[in-house]
Amino acid sequence: MSLAQPSPLERMPPFKIQYRFRLEDGQEERFDLELDSRTLVADIDQCGDLPPWTRLDFNQCPNCPLEADKVERCPAAVNMVSIVNRFTDLLSYDQTLVEVETADRKVFAQKSVQHGICSLMGLLMATSECPRTDFFKPMARFHLPFASTDETIWRATSTYLLSQYFLKQDGGRPDVLFQQLSKIYNSIQTVNMAFAKRLRAACNYDSMINAIILLDMFAKSMPTAIDESLEQIRHIFKPYLSHIES
């Protein structure tokens, strides 16, 4: 009798992403993330007791589907403890050299602390077990640090259309007009605003709070920007579309 063989996903190693911050005073902070290849949930090693602001019922998101009597801690907040502990005393405008490394490439950027944290914070929230951030897990797997607005729109719409392809494959009804994508971003706005309240209770200075505000600015602009920006890039598809047989 042969033993069952593990699936290809079960054999895949975790996907690793490293963030390294080099501050002007010589201080260096490093964050090593490992994403489960199947679930895309980050394996976060928490040492010691979790702070009160990570409790699910502490400024819980109004649209949170989790129940405080069943889930003690906010999954996104738990992922954020390490970065809050290390960056709580930094100011938003402090400068840092950020290095982001994956198996495929290294990215270097000179950024303000709030912009550097914003990129890592978005990744930590997407790879938590928060149900409201599940849509962003595929983009976390193909993480693009410091993406511009145009790049973010390209990635979000492409990810969404690919999800609709798989939905169709599973017998669902795909949405190719991005109606549900706008709802996803409206939902994440609610999450960002509630999370900012958590961070105000956790941080001494504004770098963390301003980072979540930057994330929310992206979320707020997306529903309107999708229609406008897609129309602006229509022309780059004309060579391909003109040769499609009707």
Protein backbone atom coordinates (compact mmCIF):
# COMPACT_ATOMS: atom_id res chain seq x y z
CA MET A 1 0.00 0.00 0.00
CA SER A 2 1.58 3.26 -1.13
CA LEU A 3 1.45 6.40 0.93
CA ALA A 4 -0.41 9.39 -0.48
CA GLN A 5 1.92 11.85 -2.17
CA PRO A 6 1.85 15.50 -1.09
CA SER A 7 0.35 17.93 -3.55
CA PRO A 8 2.67 20.29 -5.46
CA LEU A 9 1.57 23.18 -3.25
CA GLU A 10 2.34 21.23 -0.09
CA ARG A 11 5.86 20.58 -1.41
CA MET A 12 6.52 24.23 -2.22
CA PRO A 13 8.74 26.13 0.22
CA PRO A 14 7.43 29.33 1.81
CA PHE A 15 7.72 32.54 -0.19
CA LYS A 16 10.16 34.88 1.57
CA ILE A 17 10.22 38.67 1.60
CA GLN A 18 12.73 40.73 3.56
CA TYR A 19 12.39 44.44 4.37
CA ARG A 20 15.45 46.28 5.67
CA PHE A 21 15.27 49.88 6.88
CA ARG A 22 18.47 51.92 7.27
CA LEU A 23 17.80 55.13 9.15
CA GLU A 24 19.86 58.33 9.04
CA ASP A 25 21.22 57.79 12.56
CA GLY A 26 22.68 54.42 11.55
CA GLN A 27 19.90 52.35 13.09
CA GLU A 28 18.83 49.34 11.04
CA GLU A 29 15.60 47.37 11.30
CA ARG A 30 14.97 44.11 9.45
CA PHE A 31 11.71 42.26 8.91
CA ASP A 32 11.71 38.72 7.50
CA LEU A 33 8.37 37.43 6.25
CA GLU A 34 7.57 33.89 5.20
CA LEU A 35 4.31 33.37 3.34
CA ASP A 36 2.71 29.96 3.27
CA SER A 37 2.73 28.92 -0.40
CA ARG A 38 -0.83 27.58 -0.17
CA THR A 39 -2.62 30.13 2.00
CA LEU A 40 -0.34 33.18 1.50
CA VAL A 41 -0.64 33.85 5.23
CA ALA A 42 2.52 35.21 6.85
CA ASP A 43 4.12 33.15 9.57
CA ILE A 44 4.56 35.80 12.27
CA ASP A 45 6.59 34.81 15.32
CA GLN A 46 5.16 36.69 18.28
CA CYS A 47 7.24 36.83 21.43
CA GLY A 48 5.65 37.72 24.74
CA ASP A 49 2.16 38.92 25.50
CA LEU A 50 0.21 40.72 22.82
CA PRO A 51 -0.76 44.33 23.63
CA PRO A 52 -4.38 45.26 24.43
CA TRP A 53 -4.82 47.15 21.14
CA THR A 54 -4.63 43.82 19.26
CA ARG A 55 -7.84 42.53 20.84
CA LEU A 56 -10.56 42.04 18.23
CA ASP A 57 -13.08 44.12 20.18
CA PHE A 58 -10.67 47.09 20.49
CA ASN A 59 -11.92 49.56 17.84
CA GLN A 60 -13.13 46.59 15.83
CA CYS A 61 -13.85 47.33 12.17
CA PRO A 62 -17.59 47.95 11.63
CA ASN A 63 -17.54 45.50 8.70
CA CYS A 64 -15.54 42.79 10.47
CA PRO A 65 -17.17 39.36 10.03
CA LEU A 66 -15.28 37.89 13.01
CA GLU A 67 -16.92 37.54 16.42
CA ALA A 68 -15.07 38.64 19.55
CA ASP A 69 -16.42 35.74 21.60
CA LYS A 70 -14.83 33.30 19.13
CA VAL A 71 -11.70 35.17 17.97
CA GLU A 72 -9.70 36.96 20.64
CA ARG A 73 -7.26 38.94 18.50
CA CYS A 74 -7.54 40.99 15.32
CA PRO A 75 -5.43 39.06 12.77
CA ALA A 76 -4.16 42.22 11.05
CA ALA A 77 -3.24 43.83 14.36
CA VAL A 78 -1.28 40.76 15.45
CA ASN A 79 0.78 40.99 12.25
CA MET A 80 1.52 44.62 13.01
CA VAL A 81 2.91 44.30 16.56
CA SER A 82 6.56 44.00 15.58
CA ILE A 83 6.58 47.00 13.26
CA VAL A 84 4.68 49.13 15.79
CA ASN A 85 7.12 48.22 18.56
CA ARG A 86 10.14 49.20 16.47
CA PHE A 87 8.81 52.31 14.71
CA THR A 88 6.52 53.88 17.31
CA ASP A 89 9.03 56.66 18.15
CA LEU A 90 9.85 57.68 14.58
CA LEU A 91 8.48 60.75 12.84
CA SER A 92 6.79 60.53 9.46
CA TYR A 93 9.31 62.72 7.68
CA ASP A 94 12.43 60.91 8.96
CA GLN A 95 14.34 59.48 6.01
CA THR A 96 15.27 55.85 5.50
CA LEU A 97 16.87 53.68 2.85
CA VAL A 98 14.53 50.75 2.30
CA GLU A 99 15.76 47.49 0.77
CA VAL A 100 13.18 44.87 -0.20
CA GLU A 101 14.46 41.45 -1.20
CA THR A 102 12.71 38.40 -2.61
CA ALA A 103 14.06 35.36 -4.42
CA ASP A 104 13.57 37.22 -7.72
CA ARG A 105 14.97 40.70 -7.09
CA LYS A 106 16.11 43.45 -4.75
CA VAL A 107 14.49 46.88 -4.68
CA PHE A 108 16.17 49.92 -3.11
CA ALA A 109 14.38 53.19 -2.40
CA GLN A 110 15.13 56.33 -0.43
CA LYS A 111 11.85 57.12 1.28
CA SER A 112 10.33 58.93 4.22
CA VAL A 113 9.59 56.60 7.11
CA GLN A 114 5.83 56.86 6.51
CA HIS A 115 6.20 55.73 2.87
CA GLY A 116 8.52 52.88 3.80
CA ILE A 117 6.21 51.69 6.54
CA CYS A 118 3.19 52.05 4.25
CA SER A 119 4.62 49.49 1.83
CA LEU A 120 5.41 46.97 4.57
CA MET A 121 2.13 47.64 6.39
CA GLY A 122 0.08 46.90 3.28
CA LEU A 123 1.96 43.62 2.90
CA LEU A 124 1.43 42.66 6.55
CA MET A 125 -2.29 43.38 6.39
CA ALA A 126 -2.74 41.48 3.11
CA THR A 127 -0.97 38.41 4.48
CA SER A 128 -2.86 38.34 7.77
CA GLU A 129 -5.91 36.16 8.32
CA CYS A 130 -8.24 39.15 8.15
CA PRO A 131 -11.13 38.10 5.85
CA ARG A 132 -11.39 41.63 4.43
CA THR A 133 -7.87 41.50 2.97
CA ASP A 134 -8.13 38.14 1.17
CA PHE A 135 -8.38 39.81 -2.25
CA PHE A 136 -4.91 41.32 -1.77
CA LYS A 137 -3.11 38.03 -1.08
CA PRO A 138 -2.31 37.29 -4.75
CA MET A 139 -0.80 40.76 -5.08
CA ALA A 140 1.22 40.09 -1.91
CA ARG A 141 2.59 36.95 -3.53
CA PHE A 142 3.77 39.08 -6.46
CA HIS A 143 4.70 41.98 -4.23
CA LEU A 144 5.78 45.21 -5.93
CA PRO A 145 7.21 47.63 -3.35
CA PHE A 146 6.41 51.32 -3.76
CA ALA A 147 4.12 50.80 -6.73
CA SER A 148 2.83 53.97 -8.36
CA THR A 149 -0.88 54.68 -8.64
CA ASP A 150 -0.89 53.50 -12.27
CA GLU A 151 0.97 50.32 -11.36
CA THR A 152 -1.42 49.65 -8.49
CA ILE A 153 -4.43 50.07 -10.76
CA TRP A 154 -2.86 47.73 -13.34
CA ARG A 155 -2.12 45.10 -10.68
CA ALA A 156 -5.51 45.38 -8.96
CA THR A 157 -7.55 45.16 -12.16
CA SER A 158 -5.42 42.35 -13.59
CA THR A 159 -5.68 40.41 -10.33
CA TYR A 160 -9.42 40.94 -10.26
CA LEU A 161 -9.96 39.77 -13.83
CA LEU A 162 -7.86 36.67 -13.20
CA SER A 163 -9.95 35.94 -10.11
CA GLN A 164 -13.06 36.18 -12.28
CA TYR A 165 -11.55 33.66 -14.69
CA PHE A 166 -11.11 31.18 -11.85
CA LEU A 167 -14.61 31.99 -10.61
CA LYS A 168 -15.96 31.12 -14.06
CA GLN A 169 -13.93 27.88 -14.05
CA ASP A 170 -15.62 26.97 -10.77
CA GLY A 171 -19.09 27.58 -12.18
CA GLY A 172 -19.62 31.11 -10.87
CA ARG A 173 -20.78 34.21 -12.71
CA PRO A 174 -17.80 36.44 -13.54
CA ASP A 175 -17.89 40.22 -13.29
CA VAL A 176 -15.79 41.87 -16.00
CA LEU A 177 -17.10 45.39 -15.30
CA PHE A 178 -15.26 45.72 -11.97
CA GLN A 179 -18.45 46.28 -10.01
CA GLN A 180 -17.33 44.07 -7.14
CA LEU A 181 -13.81 45.50 -7.19
CA SER A 182 -15.15 48.90 -6.18
CA LYS A 183 -16.95 47.23 -3.28
CA ILE A 184 -13.71 45.56 -2.19
CA TYR A 185 -11.93 48.91 -2.03
CA ASN A 186 -14.83 50.58 -0.26
CA SER A 187 -14.67 47.80 2.33
CA ILE A 188 -10.92 48.19 2.81
CA GLN A 189 -11.43 51.92 3.45
CA THR A 190 -13.55 50.98 6.46
CA VAL A 191 -10.80 48.65 7.65
CA ASN A 192 -8.12 51.32 7.27
CA MET A 193 -10.04 53.92 9.24
CA ALA A 194 -10.77 51.55 12.11
CA PHE A 195 -7.17 50.38 12.09
CA ALA A 196 -5.94 53.97 12.36
CA LYS A 197 -7.83 54.19 15.67
CA ARG A 198 -5.96 51.12 16.91
CA LEU A 199 -2.64 52.67 15.95
CA ARG A 200 -3.39 55.95 17.72
CA ALA A 201 -3.62 53.95 20.94
CA ALA A 202 -0.39 52.10 20.19
CA CYS A 203 2.03 54.72 18.83
CA ASN A 204 3.88 57.63 20.37
CA TYR A 205 4.40 59.47 17.08
CA ASP A 206 2.66 59.76 13.74
CA SER A 207 4.69 57.60 11.34
CA MET A 208 2.49 54.52 11.71
CA ILE A 209 -0.77 56.46 11.59
CA ASN A 210 0.29 58.42 8.51
CA ALA A 211 1.32 55.17 6.84
CA ILE A 212 -2.20 53.74 7.20
CA ILE A 213 -3.59 57.06 5.94
CA LEU A 214 -1.44 56.69 2.82
CA LEU A 215 -2.85 53.21 2.30
CA ASP A 216 -6.33 54.61 2.67
CA MET A 217 -5.64 57.33 0.11
CA PHE A 218 -4.97 54.57 -2.42
CA ALA A 219 -8.15 52.76 -1.43
CA LYS A 220 -10.25 55.93 -1.69
CA SER A 221 -8.93 56.81 -5.12
CA MET A 222 -9.28 53.35 -6.65
CA PRO A 223 -13.01 53.16 -7.53
CA THR A 224 -12.88 56.43 -9.48
CA ALA A 225 -9.36 55.95 -10.79
CA ILE A 226 -10.17 52.53 -12.23
CA ASP A 227 -12.57 53.90 -14.83
CA GLU A 228 -10.51 56.98 -15.65
CA SER A 229 -7.13 55.27 -15.77
CA LEU A 230 -8.33 52.30 -17.78
CA GLU A 231 -9.69 54.64 -20.42
CA GLN A 232 -6.32 56.42 -20.53
CA ILE A 233 -4.45 53.18 -21.29
CA ARG A 234 -6.95 51.83 -23.82
CA HIS A 235 -4.65 52.92 -26.66
CA ILE A 236 -1.86 50.52 -25.68
CA PHE A 237 -4.17 47.60 -26.48
CA LYS A 238 -5.12 48.87 -29.95
CA PRO A 239 -2.37 46.97 -31.84
CA TYR A 240 -3.57 43.72 -30.28
CA LEU A 241 -7.31 44.43 -30.49
CA SER A 242 -7.09 45.47 -34.14
CA HIS A 243 -5.87 41.99 -35.09
CA ILE A 244 -8.42 39.97 -33.16
CA GLU A 245 -10.71 38.15 -35.51
CA SER A 246 -14.37 38.94 -34.96
